[in-house]
């Protein structure tokens, strides 16, 4: 199951840089995870400074 990014996202970009498969990109209001590309490794969740990423 892919990770999801909540509205708590402050668009710092840390998660995008940590994703080993480039499944995260900048959206209009928050960063977003491409569920088809996400390998559910959790690297983004561990890197998020505001805890905005969780399992779907």
Protein backbone atom coordinates (compact mmCIF):
# COMPACT_ATOMS: atom_id res chain seq x y z
CA UNK A 1 0.00 0.00 0.00
CA UNK A 2 1.37 3.41 -0.94
CA UNK A 3 2.10 6.16 1.56
CA UNK A 4 -0.11 9.25 1.65
CA UNK A 5 0.74 12.86 2.46
CA UNK A 6 -1.75 14.80 4.59
CA UNK A 7 -2.68 18.46 4.61
CA UNK A 8 -0.09 18.92 7.38
CA UNK A 9 2.55 18.99 4.60
CA UNK A 10 4.56 22.23 4.61
CA UNK A 11 6.02 21.59 1.11
CA UNK A 12 9.62 21.46 2.32
CA UNK A 13 10.61 18.84 -0.29
CA UNK A 14 12.45 16.54 2.10
CA UNK A 15 10.28 13.56 1.20
CA UNK A 16 10.81 13.98 -2.54
CA UNK A 17 14.58 13.90 -2.10
CA UNK A 18 14.41 10.74 0.05
CA UNK A 19 12.21 8.66 -2.28
CA UNK A 20 14.37 6.01 -3.98
CA UNK A 21 11.91 5.53 -6.86
CA UNK A 22 10.90 9.17 -7.47
CA UNK A 23 7.26 8.49 -6.57
CA UNK A 24 6.80 11.87 -4.87
CA UNK A 25 6.23 15.15 -6.66
CA UNK A 26 5.12 18.65 -5.78
CA UNK A 27 1.38 19.13 -6.00
CA UNK A 28 -0.67 22.28 -5.82
CA UNK A 29 -1.10 22.37 -2.03
CA UNK A 30 1.10 19.51 -0.80
CA UNK A 31 3.54 16.99 -2.14
CA UNK A 32 1.82 13.90 -3.53
CA UNK A 33 2.71 10.21 -3.80
CA UNK A 34 2.19 8.31 -7.05
CA UNK A 35 0.60 5.13 -5.68
CA UNK A 36 1.57 3.14 -8.78
CA UNK A 37 5.28 3.94 -8.32
CA UNK A 38 5.50 3.83 -4.51
CA UNK A 39 7.29 0.74 -3.17
CA UNK A 40 6.14 1.44 0.42
CA UNK A 41 9.67 1.61 1.80
CA UNK A 42 8.85 4.29 4.38
CA UNK A 43 11.88 6.48 3.63
CA UNK A 44 9.66 9.51 3.06
CA UNK A 45 7.71 8.97 6.27
CA UNK A 46 10.89 8.75 8.32
CA UNK A 47 12.27 11.91 6.71
CA UNK A 48 9.19 14.12 7.07
CA UNK A 49 9.88 16.78 9.72
CA UNK A 50 6.19 17.41 10.44
CA UNK A 51 4.86 13.84 10.39
CA UNK A 52 2.59 14.45 7.41
CA UNK A 53 3.22 11.06 5.77
CA UNK A 54 1.58 7.81 6.79
CA UNK A 55 0.47 4.45 5.45
CA UNK A 56 -2.68 4.64 3.35
